[in-house]
Amino acid sequence: RAMGQLHIARLDRGAAVPLLPVDVAAWQADRAADVLAWLHESARNSFPVRGYPQALVQAHGHAHLGGLEVEMLEKTLLAQLAEQRPALAAEACRQRLLGRQLVEEIREAGSDTR
């Protein structure tokens, strides 16, 4: 899905540099060259993935939810669901527990094979 014009860009030289889809919004179409130039400048000497814009690395870092955030979000969501649809909330809690149990079983099975 695109908001405007979709461009494919390799923002640095080298076979290991990824091709990235760049969606330039329709209202920015006349500035597509500026957008790509800015991304190229941001991607030069970027870390940890060469050719990947530093602004996107930073945005991902800010958007990433850690364990505590996920736990708080999950608790809030289940509380809201319990207020509106108690039976569905109970089933969601049951499924969550089953999922955690399955993860533990897989971890234990993986450690037994080593």
PDB file of N, CA and C in Angstrom:
ATOM      1  N   ARG A   1       0.843  -1.176   0.000  1.00  0.00           N
ATOM      2  CA  ARG A   1       0.000   0.000   0.000  1.00  0.00           C
ATOM      3  C   ARG A   1       0.881   1.230   0.000  1.00  0.00           C
ATOM      4  N   ALA A   2       0.513   2.173  -0.783  1.00  0.00           N
ATOM      5  CA  ALA A   2       1.324   3.387  -0.878  1.00  0.00           C
ATOM      6  C   ALA A   2       0.431   4.609  -0.701  1.00  0.00           C
ATOM      7  N   MET A   3       1.009   5.655  -0.121  1.00  0.00           N
ATOM      8  CA  MET A   3       0.286   6.915   0.044  1.00  0.00           C
ATOM      9  C   MET A   3       0.469   7.811  -1.166  1.00  0.00           C
ATOM     10  N   GLY A   4       1.421   7.490  -1.994  1.00  0.00           N
ATOM     11  CA  GLY A   4       1.735   8.353  -3.127  1.00  0.00           C
ATOM     12  C   GLY A   4       2.544   7.590  -4.144  1.00  0.00           C
ATOM     13  N   GLN A   5       3.712   8.126  -4.459  1.00  0.00           N
ATOM     14  CA  GLN A   5       4.593   7.483  -5.432  1.00  0.00           C
ATOM     15  C   GLN A   5       5.574   6.582  -4.699  1.00  0.00           C
ATOM     16  N   LEU A   6       5.635   5.329  -5.142  1.00  0.00           N
ATOM     17  CA  LEU A   6       6.545   4.381  -4.539  1.00  0.00           C
ATOM     18  C   LEU A   6       7.835   4.344  -5.344  1.00  0.00           C
ATOM     19  N   HIS A   7       8.956   4.520  -4.664  1.00  0.00           N
ATOM     20  CA  HIS A   7      10.279   4.472  -5.279  1.00  0.00           C
ATOM     21  C   HIS A   7      11.054   3.338  -4.628  1.00  0.00           C
ATOM     22  N   ILE A   8      11.947   2.729  -5.356  1.00  0.00           N
ATOM     23  CA  ILE A   8      12.863   1.730  -4.810  1.00  0.00           C
ATOM     24  C   ILE A   8      14.240   2.377  -4.821  1.00  0.00           C
ATOM     25  N   ALA A   9      14.893   2.371  -3.658  1.00  0.00           N
ATOM     26  CA  ALA A   9      16.171   3.071  -3.555  1.00  0.00           C
ATOM     27  C   ALA A   9      17.209   2.205  -2.861  1.00  0.00           C
ATOM     28  N   ARG A  10      18.410   2.256  -3.345  1.00  0.00           N
ATOM     29  CA  ARG A  10      19.578   1.708  -2.652  1.00  0.00           C
ATOM     30  C   ARG A  10      20.353   2.945  -2.244  1.00  0.00           C
ATOM     31  N   LEU A  11      20.433   3.194  -0.957  1.00  0.00           N
ATOM     32  CA  LEU A  11      20.915   4.470  -0.469  1.00  0.00           C
ATOM     33  C   LEU A  11      22.417   4.529  -0.212  1.00  0.00           C
ATOM     34  N   ASP A  12      23.133   3.516  -0.658  1.00  0.00           N
ATOM     35  CA  ASP A  12      24.590   3.509  -0.581  1.00  0.00           C
ATOM     36  C   ASP A  12      25.082   2.505  -1.611  1.00  0.00           C
ATOM     37  N   ARG A  13      26.384   2.449  -1.798  1.00  0.00           N
ATOM     38  CA  ARG A  13      26.955   1.506  -2.768  1.00  0.00           C
ATOM     39  C   ARG A  13      27.242   0.175  -2.104  1.00  0.00           C
ATOM     40  N   GLY A  14      27.160  -0.890  -2.894  1.00  0.00           N
ATOM     41  CA  GLY A  14      27.517  -2.212  -2.400  1.00  0.00           C
ATOM     42  C   GLY A  14      26.371  -3.189  -2.477  1.00  0.00           C
ATOM     43  N   ALA A  15      26.736  -4.441  -2.728  1.00  0.00           N
ATOM     44  CA  ALA A  15      25.723  -5.489  -2.870  1.00  0.00           C
ATOM     45  C   ALA A  15      25.005  -5.778  -1.551  1.00  0.00           C
ATOM     46  N   ALA A  16      25.665  -5.529  -0.419  1.00  0.00           N
ATOM     47  CA  ALA A  16      25.066  -5.819   0.882  1.00  0.00           C
ATOM     48  C   ALA A  16      24.091  -4.735   1.331  1.00  0.00           C
ATOM     49  N   VAL A  17      24.068  -3.619   0.623  1.00  0.00           N
ATOM     50  CA  VAL A  17      23.177  -2.523   0.992  1.00  0.00           C
ATOM     51  C   VAL A  17      21.769  -2.873   0.521  1.00  0.00           C
ATOM     52  N   PRO A  18      20.783  -2.825   1.428  1.00  0.00           N
ATOM     53  CA  PRO A  18      19.432  -3.256   1.055  1.00  0.00           C
ATOM     54  C   PRO A  18      18.737  -2.283   0.106  1.00  0.00           C
ATOM     55  N   LEU A  19      17.854  -2.835  -0.712  1.00  0.00           N
ATOM     56  CA  LEU A  19      16.931  -2.017  -1.503  1.00  0.00           C
ATOM     57  C   LEU A  19      15.768  -1.688  -0.589  1.00  0.00           C
ATOM     58  N   LEU A  20      15.380  -0.425  -0.560  1.00  0.00           N
ATOM     59  CA  LEU A  20      14.300  -0.002   0.324  1.00  0.00           C
ATOM     60  C   LEU A  20      13.153   0.598  -0.473  1.00  0.00           C
ATOM     61  N   PRO A  21      11.915   0.256  -0.103  1.00  0.00           N
ATOM     62  CA  PRO A  21      10.786   0.944  -0.715  1.00  0.00           C
ATOM     63  C   PRO A  21      10.646   2.309  -0.035  1.00  0.00           C
ATOM     64  N   VAL A  22      10.526   3.347  -0.823  1.00  0.00           N
ATOM     65  CA  VAL A  22      10.358   4.702  -0.292  1.00  0.00           C
ATOM     66  C   VAL A  22       9.055   5.239  -0.858  1.00  0.00           C
ATOM     67  N   ASP A  23       8.108   5.476   0.017  1.00  0.00           N
ATOM     68  CA  ASP A  23       6.796   5.979  -0.378  1.00  0.00           C
ATOM     69  C   ASP A  23       6.792   7.490  -0.151  1.00  0.00           C
ATOM     70  N   VAL A  24       6.728   8.236  -1.230  1.00  0.00           N
ATOM     71  CA  VAL A  24       6.665   9.695  -1.133  1.00  0.00           C
ATOM     72  C   VAL A  24       5.204  10.092  -1.275  1.00  0.00           C
ATOM     73  N   ALA A  25       4.691  10.749  -0.229  1.00  0.00           N
ATOM     74  CA  ALA A  25       3.275  11.108  -0.194  1.00  0.00           C
ATOM     75  C   ALA A  25       2.891  11.946  -1.411  1.00  0.00           C
ATOM     76  N   ALA A  26       1.646  11.808  -1.829  1.00  0.00           N
ATOM     77  CA  ALA A  26       1.157  12.515  -3.021  1.00  0.00           C
ATOM     78  C   ALA A  26       1.380  14.017  -2.916  1.00  0.00           C
ATOM     79  N   TRP A  27       1.174  14.586  -1.734  1.00  0.00           N
ATOM     80  CA  TRP A  27       1.344  16.030  -1.576  1.00  0.00           C
ATOM     81  C   TRP A  27       2.814  16.450  -1.549  1.00  0.00           C
ATOM     82  N   GLN A  28       3.733  15.455  -1.546  1.00  0.00           N
ATOM     83  CA  GLN A  28       5.162  15.744  -1.577  1.00  0.00           C
ATOM     84  C   GLN A  28       5.796  15.291  -2.898  1.00  0.00           C
ATOM     85  N   ALA A  29       4.967  14.880  -3.852  1.00  0.00           N
ATOM     86  CA  ALA A  29       5.477  14.305  -5.104  1.00  0.00           C
ATOM     87  C   ALA A  29       6.470  15.217  -5.811  1.00  0.00           C
ATOM     88  N   ASP A  30       6.250  16.518  -5.761  1.00  0.00           N
ATOM     89  CA  ASP A  30       7.164  17.442  -6.428  1.00  0.00           C
ATOM     90  C   ASP A  30       8.499  17.560  -5.688  1.00  0.00           C
ATOM     91  N   ARG A  31       8.580  16.980  -4.490  1.00  0.00           N
ATOM     92  CA  ARG A  31       9.821  17.028  -3.706  1.00  0.00           C
ATOM     93  C   ARG A  31      10.470  15.651  -3.578  1.00  0.00           C
ATOM     94  N   ALA A  32      10.091  14.699  -4.430  1.00  0.00           N
ATOM     95  CA  ALA A  32      10.619  13.339  -4.338  1.00  0.00           C
ATOM     96  C   ALA A  32      12.142  13.319  -4.410  1.00  0.00           C
ATOM     97  N   ALA A  33      12.727  14.111  -5.295  1.00  0.00           N
ATOM     98  CA  ALA A  33      14.190  14.146  -5.406  1.00  0.00           C
ATOM     99  C   ALA A  33      14.823  14.634  -4.103  1.00  0.00           C
ATOM    100  N   ASP A  34      14.202  15.622  -3.447  1.00  0.00           N
ATOM    101  CA  ASP A  34      14.712  16.124  -2.166  1.00  0.00           C
ATOM    102  C   ASP A  34      14.616  15.045  -1.083  1.00  0.00           C
ATOM    103  N   VAL A  35      13.500  14.333  -1.054  1.00  0.00           N
ATOM    104  CA  VAL A  35      13.302  13.279  -0.065  1.00  0.00           C
ATOM    105  C   VAL A  35      14.355  12.197  -0.230  1.00  0.00           C
ATOM    106  N   LEU A  36      14.564  11.750  -1.458  1.00  0.00           N
ATOM    107  CA  LEU A  36      15.555  10.701  -1.713  1.00  0.00           C
ATOM    108  C   LEU A  36      16.959  11.184  -1.399  1.00  0.00           C
ATOM    109  N   ALA A  37      17.265  12.438  -1.706  1.00  0.00           N
ATOM    110  CA  ALA A  37      18.591  12.998  -1.391  1.00  0.00           C
ATOM    111  C   ALA A  37      18.791  13.044   0.124  1.00  0.00           C
ATOM    112  N   TRP A  38      17.763  13.436   0.867  1.00  0.00           N
ATOM    113  CA  TRP A  38      17.869  13.484   2.327  1.00  0.00           C
ATOM    114  C   TRP A  38      18.080  12.085   2.897  1.00  0.00           C
ATOM    115  N   LEU A  39      17.331  11.100   2.383  1.00  0.00           N
ATOM    116  CA  LEU A  39      17.497   9.724   2.840  1.00  0.00           C
ATOM    117  C   LEU A  39      18.898   9.209   2.534  1.00  0.00           C
ATOM    118  N   HIS A  40      19.403   9.541   1.333  1.00  0.00           N
ATOM    119  CA  HIS A  40      20.750   9.116   0.955  1.00  0.00           C
ATOM    120  C   HIS A  40      21.779   9.699   1.920  1.00  0.00           C
ATOM    121  N   GLU A  41      21.643  10.973   2.233  1.00  0.00           N
ATOM    122  CA  GLU A  41      22.580  11.624   3.157  1.00  0.00           C
ATOM    123  C   GLU A  41      22.499  10.985   4.541  1.00  0.00           C
ATOM    124  N   SER A  42      21.288  10.669   4.982  1.00  0.00           N
ATOM    125  CA  SER A  42      21.099  10.042   6.285  1.00  0.00           C
ATOM    126  C   SER A  42      21.688   8.629   6.312  1.00  0.00           C
ATOM    127  N   ALA A  43      21.646   7.943   5.187  1.00  0.00           N
ATOM    128  CA  ALA A  43      22.095   6.550   5.121  1.00  0.00           C
ATOM    129  C   ALA A  43      23.611   6.414   4.982  1.00  0.00           C
ATOM    130  N   ARG A  44      24.281   7.458   4.527  1.00  0.00           N
ATOM    131  CA  ARG A  44      25.734   7.376   4.358  1.00  0.00           C
ATOM    132  C   ARG A  44      26.397   7.128   5.705  1.00  0.00           C
ATOM    133  N   ASN A  45      27.270   6.156   5.728  1.00  0.00           N
ATOM    134  CA  ASN A  45      28.004   5.792   6.948  1.00  0.00           C
ATOM    135  C   ASN A  45      27.083   5.447   8.115  1.00  0.00           C
ATOM    136  N   SER A  46      25.901   4.930   7.809  1.00  0.00           N
ATOM    137  CA  SER A  46      24.952   4.610   8.869  1.00  0.00           C
ATOM    138  C   SER A  46      25.356   3.321   9.579  1.00  0.00           C
ATOM    139  N   PHE A  47      24.836   3.162  10.761  1.00  0.00           N
ATOM    140  CA  PHE A  47      25.133   2.008  11.589  1.00  0.00           C
ATOM    141  C   PHE A  47      23.844   1.588  12.281  1.00  0.00           C
ATOM    142  N   PRO A  48      23.509   0.366  12.437  1.00  0.00           N
ATOM    143  CA  PRO A  48      24.304  -0.832  12.205  1.00  0.00           C
ATOM    144  C   PRO A  48      24.174  -1.407  10.797  1.00  0.00           C
ATOM    145  N   VAL A  49      23.201  -0.969  10.007  1.00  0.00           N
ATOM    146  CA  VAL A  49      23.033  -1.495   8.654  1.00  0.00           C
ATOM    147  C   VAL A  49      23.443  -0.416   7.666  1.00  0.00           C
ATOM    148  N   ARG A  50      24.538  -0.666   6.944  1.00  0.00           N
ATOM    149  CA  ARG A  50      25.004   0.306   5.967  1.00  0.00           C
ATOM    150  C   ARG A  50      23.936   0.546   4.918  1.00  0.00           C
ATOM    151  N   GLY A  51      23.669   1.804   4.619  1.00  0.00           N
ATOM    152  CA  GLY A  51      22.684   2.136   3.608  1.00  0.00           C
ATOM    153  C   GLY A  51      21.266   2.229   4.137  1.00  0.00           C
ATOM    154  N   TYR A  52      21.101   2.073   5.449  1.00  0.00           N
ATOM    155  CA  TYR A  52      19.776   2.175   6.064  1.00  0.00           C
ATOM    156  C   TYR A  52      19.731   3.495   6.812  1.00  0.00           C
ATOM    157  N   PRO A  53      18.811   4.393   6.467  1.00  0.00           N
ATOM    158  CA  PRO A  53      18.815   5.741   7.043  1.00  0.00           C
ATOM    159  C   PRO A  53      18.824   5.759   8.572  1.00  0.00           C
ATOM    160  N   GLN A  54      19.726   6.541   9.133  1.00  0.00           N
ATOM    161  CA  GLN A  54      19.850   6.649  10.580  1.00  0.00           C
ATOM    162  C   GLN A  54      18.548   7.117  11.219  1.00  0.00           C
ATOM    163  N   ALA A  55      17.817   7.968  10.527  1.00  0.00           N
ATOM    164  CA  ALA A  55      16.536   8.439  11.070  1.00  0.00           C
ATOM    165  C   ALA A  55      15.570   7.276  11.284  1.00  0.00           C
ATOM    166  N   LEU A  56      15.601   6.288  10.396  1.00  0.00           N
ATOM    167  CA  LEU A  56      14.726   5.125  10.557  1.00  0.00           C
ATOM    168  C   LEU A  56      15.209   4.226  11.687  1.00  0.00           C
ATOM    169  N   VAL A  57      16.528   4.117  11.851  1.00  0.00           N
ATOM    170  CA  VAL A  57      17.080   3.343  12.967  1.00  0.00           C
ATOM    171  C   VAL A  57      16.614   3.967  14.284  1.00  0.00           C
ATOM    172  N   GLN A  58      16.704   5.288  14.382  1.00  0.00           N
ATOM    173  CA  GLN A  58      16.281   5.989  15.593  1.00  0.00           C
ATOM    174  C   GLN A  58      14.768   5.878  15.802  1.00  0.00           C
ATOM    175  N   ALA A  59      13.994   6.006  14.722  1.00  0.00           N
ATOM    176  CA  ALA A  59      12.534   5.897  14.839  1.00  0.00           C
ATOM    177  C   ALA A  59      12.142   4.511  15.337  1.00  0.00           C
ATOM    178  N   HIS A  60      12.813   3.486  14.831  1.00  0.00           N
ATOM    179  CA  HIS A  60      12.528   2.122  15.283  1.00  0.00           C
ATOM    180  C   HIS A  60      12.863   1.975  16.765  1.00  0.00           C
ATOM    181  N   GLY A  61      13.980   2.551  17.175  1.00  0.00           N
ATOM    182  CA  GLY A  61      14.362   2.489  18.581  1.00  0.00           C
ATOM    183  C   GLY A  61      13.334   3.139  19.488  1.00  0.00           C
ATOM    184  N   HIS A  62      12.758   4.236  19.040  1.00  0.00           N
ATOM    185  CA  HIS A  62      11.745   4.920  19.836  1.00  0.00           C
ATOM    186  C   HIS A  62      10.402   4.178  19.810  1.00  0.00           C
ATOM    187  N   ALA A  63      10.123   3.467  18.731  1.00  0.00           N
ATOM    188  CA  ALA A  63       8.842   2.778  18.583  1.00  0.00           C
ATOM    189  C   ALA A  63       8.849   1.394  19.220  1.00  0.00           C
ATOM    190  N   HIS A  64      10.038   0.838  19.453  1.00  0.00           N
ATOM    191  CA  HIS A  64      10.150  -0.514  19.994  1.00  0.00           C
ATOM    192  C   HIS A  64       9.605  -0.576  21.417  1.00  0.00           C
ATOM    193  N   LEU A  65       8.758  -1.550  21.679  1.00  0.00           N
ATOM    194  CA  LEU A  65       8.217  -1.747  23.019  1.00  0.00           C
ATOM    195  C   LEU A  65       8.989  -2.864  23.702  1.00  0.00           C
ATOM    196  N   GLY A  66       9.471  -2.594  24.899  1.00  0.00           N
ATOM    197  CA  GLY A  66      10.175  -3.601  25.680  1.00  0.00           C
ATOM    198  C   GLY A  66       9.204  -4.434  26.500  1.00  0.00           C
ATOM    199  N   GLY A  67       9.741  -5.327  27.297  1.00  0.00           N
ATOM    200  CA  GLY A  67       8.920  -6.235  28.089  1.00  0.00           C
ATOM    201  C   GLY A  67       7.959  -5.533  29.026  1.00  0.00           C
ATOM    202  N   LEU A  68       8.440  -4.516  29.745  1.00  0.00           N
ATOM    203  CA  LEU A  68       7.587  -3.808  30.698  1.00  0.00           C
ATOM    204  C   LEU A  68       6.453  -3.073  29.989  1.00  0.00           C
ATOM    205  N   GLU A  69       6.772  -2.400  28.871  1.00  0.00           N
ATOM    206  CA  GLU A  69       5.736  -1.681  28.118  1.00  0.00           C
ATOM    207  C   GLU A  69       4.677  -2.632  27.568  1.00  0.00           C
ATOM    208  N   VAL A  70       5.126  -3.758  27.053  1.00  0.00           N
ATOM    209  CA  VAL A  70       4.182  -4.740  26.508  1.00  0.00           C
ATOM    210  C   VAL A  70       3.295  -5.282  27.623  1.00  0.00           C
ATOM    211  N   GLU A  71       3.888  -5.556  28.775  1.00  0.00           N
ATOM    212  CA  GLU A  71       3.117  -6.075  29.900  1.00  0.00           C
ATOM    213  C   GLU A  71       2.063  -5.069  30.366  1.00  0.00           C
ATOM    214  N   MET A  72       2.447  -3.780  30.450  1.00  0.00           N
ATOM    215  CA  MET A  72       1.502  -2.748  30.872  1.00  0.00           C
ATOM    216  C   MET A  72       0.385  -2.567  29.847  1.00  0.00           C
ATOM    217  N   LEU A  73       0.741  -2.575  28.571  1.00  0.00           N
ATOM    218  CA  LEU A  73      -0.253  -2.442  27.507  1.00  0.00           C
ATOM    219  C   LEU A  73      -1.215  -3.622  27.523  1.00  0.00           C
ATOM    220  N   GLU A  74      -0.671  -4.807  27.695  1.00  0.00           N
ATOM    221  CA  GLU A  74      -1.492  -6.013  27.749  1.00  0.00           C
ATOM    222  C   GLU A  74      -2.472  -5.952  28.926  1.00  0.00           C
ATOM    223  N   LYS A  75      -1.985  -5.542  30.084  1.00  0.00           N
ATOM    224  CA  LYS A  75      -2.827  -5.442  31.284  1.00  0.00           C
ATOM    225  C   LYS A  75      -3.953  -4.425  31.084  1.00  0.00           C
ATOM    226  N   THR A  76      -3.617  -3.271  30.497  1.00  0.00           N
ATOM    227  CA  THR A  76      -4.615  -2.232  30.235  1.00  0.00           C
ATOM    228  C   THR A  76      -5.665  -2.726  29.244  1.00  0.00           C
ATOM    229  N   LEU A  77      -5.204  -3.374  28.188  1.00  0.00           N
ATOM    230  CA  LEU A  77      -6.117  -3.896  27.171  1.00  0.00           C
ATOM    231  C   LEU A  77      -7.066  -4.929  27.766  1.00  0.00           C
ATOM    232  N   LEU A  78      -6.525  -5.854  28.555  1.00  0.00           N
ATOM    233  CA  LEU A  78      -7.377  -6.880  29.163  1.00  0.00           C
ATOM    234  C   LEU A  78      -8.360  -6.276  30.160  1.00  0.00           C
ATOM    235  N   ALA A  79      -7.946  -5.246  30.900  1.00  0.00           N
ATOM    236  CA  ALA A  79      -8.856  -4.583  31.842  1.00  0.00           C
ATOM    237  C   ALA A  79     -10.011  -3.908  31.099  1.00  0.00           C
ATOM    238  N   GLN A  80      -9.685  -3.216  30.007  1.00  0.00           N
ATOM    239  CA  GLN A  80     -10.738  -2.559  29.215  1.00  0.00           C
ATOM    240  C   GLN A  80     -11.683  -3.593  28.601  1.00  0.00           C
ATOM    241  N   LEU A  81     -11.109  -4.685  28.120  1.00  0.00           N
ATOM    242  CA  LEU A  81     -11.911  -5.746  27.526  1.00  0.00           C
ATOM    243  C   LEU A  81     -12.822  -6.378  28.580  1.00  0.00           C
ATOM    244  N   ALA A  82     -12.308  -6.558  29.790  1.00  0.00           N
ATOM    245  CA  ALA A  82     -13.099  -7.155  30.876  1.00  0.00           C
ATOM    246  C   ALA A  82     -14.293  -6.278  31.235  1.00  0.00           C
ATOM    247  N   GLU A  83     -14.124  -4.963  31.157  1.00  0.00           N
ATOM    248  CA  GLU A  83     -15.243  -4.057  31.439  1.00  0.00           C
ATOM    249  C   GLU A  83     -16.343  -4.162  30.391  1.00  0.00           C
ATOM    250  N   GLN A  84     -15.944  -4.324  29.125  1.00  0.00           N
ATOM    251  CA  GLN A  84     -16.912  -4.298  28.034  1.00  0.00           C
ATOM    252  C   GLN A  84     -17.425  -5.684  27.655  1.00  0.00           C
ATOM    253  N   ARG A  85     -16.529  -6.681  27.679  1.00  0.00           N
ATOM    254  CA  ARG A  85     -16.916  -8.043  27.265  1.00  0.00           C
ATOM    255  C   ARG A  85     -16.210  -9.056  28.150  1.00  0.00           C
ATOM    256  N   PRO A  86     -16.741  -9.287  29.342  1.00  0.00           N
ATOM    257  CA  PRO A  86     -16.078 -10.166  30.316  1.00  0.00           C
ATOM    258  C   PRO A  86     -15.768 -11.569  29.796  1.00  0.00           C
ATOM    259  N   ALA A  87     -16.674 -12.161  29.058  1.00  0.00           N
ATOM    260  CA  ALA A  87     -16.449 -13.524  28.560  1.00  0.00           C
ATOM    261  C   ALA A  87     -15.277 -13.544  27.571  1.00  0.00           C
ATOM    262  N   LEU A  88     -15.229 -12.541  26.716  1.00  0.00           N
ATOM    263  CA  LEU A  88     -14.131 -12.459  25.752  1.00  0.00           C
ATOM    264  C   LEU A  88     -12.804 -12.217  26.478  1.00  0.00           C
ATOM    265  N   ALA A  89     -12.822 -11.392  27.517  1.00  0.00           N
ATOM    266  CA  ALA A  89     -11.608 -11.128  28.295  1.00  0.00           C
ATOM    267  C   ALA A  89     -11.115 -12.404  28.971  1.00  0.00           C
ATOM    268  N   ALA A  90     -12.041 -13.194  29.504  1.00  0.00           N
ATOM    269  CA  ALA A  90     -11.659 -14.459  30.141  1.00  0.00           C
ATOM    270  C   ALA A  90     -11.021 -15.402  29.132  1.00  0.00           C
ATOM    271  N   GLU A  91     -11.593 -15.460  27.918  1.00  0.00           N
ATOM    272  CA  GLU A  91     -11.015 -16.312  26.865  1.00  0.00           C
ATOM    273  C   GLU A  91      -9.642 -15.790  26.441  1.00  0.00           C
ATOM    274  N   ALA A  92      -9.481 -14.477  26.349  1.00  0.00           N
ATOM    275  CA  ALA A  92      -8.187 -13.889  25.990  1.00  0.00           C
ATOM    276  C   ALA A  92      -7.134 -14.233  27.038  1.00  0.00           C
ATOM    277  N   CYS A  93      -7.514 -14.171  28.304  1.00  0.00           N
ATOM    278  CA  CYS A  93      -6.576 -14.536  29.383  1.00  0.00           C
ATOM    279  C   CYS A  93      -6.198 -16.020  29.288  1.00  0.00           C
ATOM    280  N   ARG A  94      -7.193 -16.848  29.011  1.00  0.00           N
ATOM    281  CA  ARG A  94      -6.925 -18.287  28.871  1.00  0.00           C
ATOM    282  C   ARG A  94      -5.968 -18.552  27.717  1.00  0.00           C
ATOM    283  N   GLN A  95      -6.214 -17.902  26.575  1.00  0.00           N
ATOM    284  CA  GLN A  95      -5.350 -18.076  25.406  1.00  0.00           C
ATOM    285  C   GLN A  95      -3.932 -17.562  25.681  1.00  0.00           C
ATOM    286  N   ARG A  96      -3.835 -16.455  26.410  1.00  0.00           N
ATOM    287  CA  ARG A  96      -2.533 -15.886  26.762  1.00  0.00           C
ATOM    288  C   ARG A  96      -1.734 -16.881  27.612  1.00  0.00           C
ATOM    289  N   LEU A  97      -2.398 -17.477  28.598  1.00  0.00           N
ATOM    290  CA  LEU A  97      -1.728 -18.458  29.448  1.00  0.00           C
ATOM    291  C   LEU A  97      -1.306 -19.693  28.653  1.00  0.00           C
ATOM    292  N   LEU A  98      -2.174 -20.149  27.755  1.00  0.00           N
ATOM    293  CA  LEU A  98      -1.829 -21.290  26.903  1.00  0.00           C
ATOM    294  C   LEU A  98      -0.625 -20.969  26.020  1.00  0.00           C
ATOM    295  N   GLY A  99      -0.597 -19.750  25.487  1.00  0.00           N
ATOM    296  CA  GLY A  99       0.526 -19.333  24.652  1.00  0.00           C
ATOM    297  C   GLY A  99       1.829 -19.300  25.420  1.00  0.00           C
ATOM    298  N   ARG A 100       1.785 -18.773  26.627  1.00  0.00           N
ATOM    299  CA  ARG A 100       3.001 -18.727  27.465  1.00  0.00           C
ATOM    300  C   ARG A 100       3.460 -20.137  27.828  1.00  0.00           C
ATOM    301  N   GLN A 101       2.498 -21.019  28.104  1.00  0.00           N
ATOM    302  CA  GLN A 101       2.837 -22.403  28.419  1.00  0.00           C
ATOM    303  C   GLN A 101       3.512 -23.076  27.223  1.00  0.00           C
ATOM    304  N   LEU A 102       2.991 -22.828  26.033  1.00  0.00           N
ATOM    305  CA  LEU A 102       3.568 -23.397  24.821  1.00  0.00           C
ATOM    306  C   LEU A 102       4.992 -22.894  24.605  1.00  0.00           C
ATOM    307  N   VAL A 103       5.215 -21.605  24.825  1.00  0.00           N
ATOM    308  CA  VAL A 103       6.560 -21.041  24.681  1.00  0.00           C
ATOM    309  C   VAL A 103       7.520 -21.722  25.643  1.00  0.00           C
ATOM    310  N   GLU A 104       7.097 -21.917  26.886  1.00  0.00           N
ATOM    311  CA  GLU A 104       7.952 -22.579  27.879  1.00  0.00           C
ATOM    312  C   GLU A 104       8.267 -24.009  27.461  1.00  0.00           C
ATOM    313  N   GLU A 105       7.265 -24.730  26.953  1.00  0.00           N
ATOM    314  CA  GLU A 105       7.478 -26.112  26.508  1.00  0.00           C
ATOM    315  C   GLU A 105       8.484 -26.153  25.358  1.00  0.00           C
ATOM    316  N   ILE A 106       8.369 -25.217  24.435  1.00  0.00           N
ATOM    317  CA  ILE A 106       9.302 -25.173  23.303  1.00  0.00           C
ATOM    318  C   ILE A 106      10.711 -24.859  23.798  1.00  0.00           C
ATOM    319  N   ARG A 107      10.830 -23.918  24.720  1.00  0.00           N
ATOM    320  CA  ARG A 107      12.156 -23.597  25.286  1.00  0.00           C
ATOM    321  C   ARG A 107      12.770 -24.815  25.972  1.00  0.00           C
ATOM    322  N   GLU A 108      11.956 -25.516  26.768  1.00  0.00           N
ATOM    323  CA  GLU A 108      12.455 -26.687  27.479  1.00  0.00           C
ATOM    324  C   GLU A 108      12.870 -27.776  26.493  1.00  0.00           C
ATOM    325  N   ALA A 109      12.080 -27.977  25.451  1.00  0.00           N
ATOM    326  CA  ALA A 109      12.420 -28.980  24.432  1.00  0.00           C
ATOM    327  C   ALA A 109      13.706 -28.605  23.716  1.00  0.00           C
ATOM    328  N   GLY A 110      13.894 -27.317  23.451  1.00  0.00           N
ATOM    329  CA  GLY A 110      15.116 -26.853  22.792  1.00  0.00           C
ATOM    330  C   GLY A 110      16.345 -27.042  23.656  1.00  0.00           C
ATOM    331  N   SER A 111      16.198 -26.843  24.959  1.00  0.00           N
ATOM    332  CA  SER A 111      17.353 -26.997  25.847  1.00  0.00           C
ATOM    333  C   SER A 111      17.675 -28.462  26.074  1.00  0.00           C
ATOM    334  N   ASP A 112      16.695 -29.351  25.908  1.00  0.00           N
ATOM    335  CA  ASP A 112      16.945 -30.794  26.061  1.00  0.00           C
ATOM    336  C   ASP A 112      17.743 -31.356  24.902  1.00  0.00           C
ATOM    337  N   THR A 113      17.659 -30.734  23.724  1.00  0.00           N
ATOM    338  CA  THR A 113      18.348 -31.270  22.549  1.00  0.00           C
ATOM    339  C   THR A 113      19.797 -30.833  22.482  1.00  0.00           C
ATOM    340  N   ARG A 114      20.240 -29.968  23.357  1.00  0.00           N
ATOM    341  CA  ARG A 114      21.626 -29.481  23.305  1.00  0.00           C
ATOM    342  C   ARG A 114      22.567 -30.389  24.003  1.00  0.00           C
TER     343      ARG A 114
END
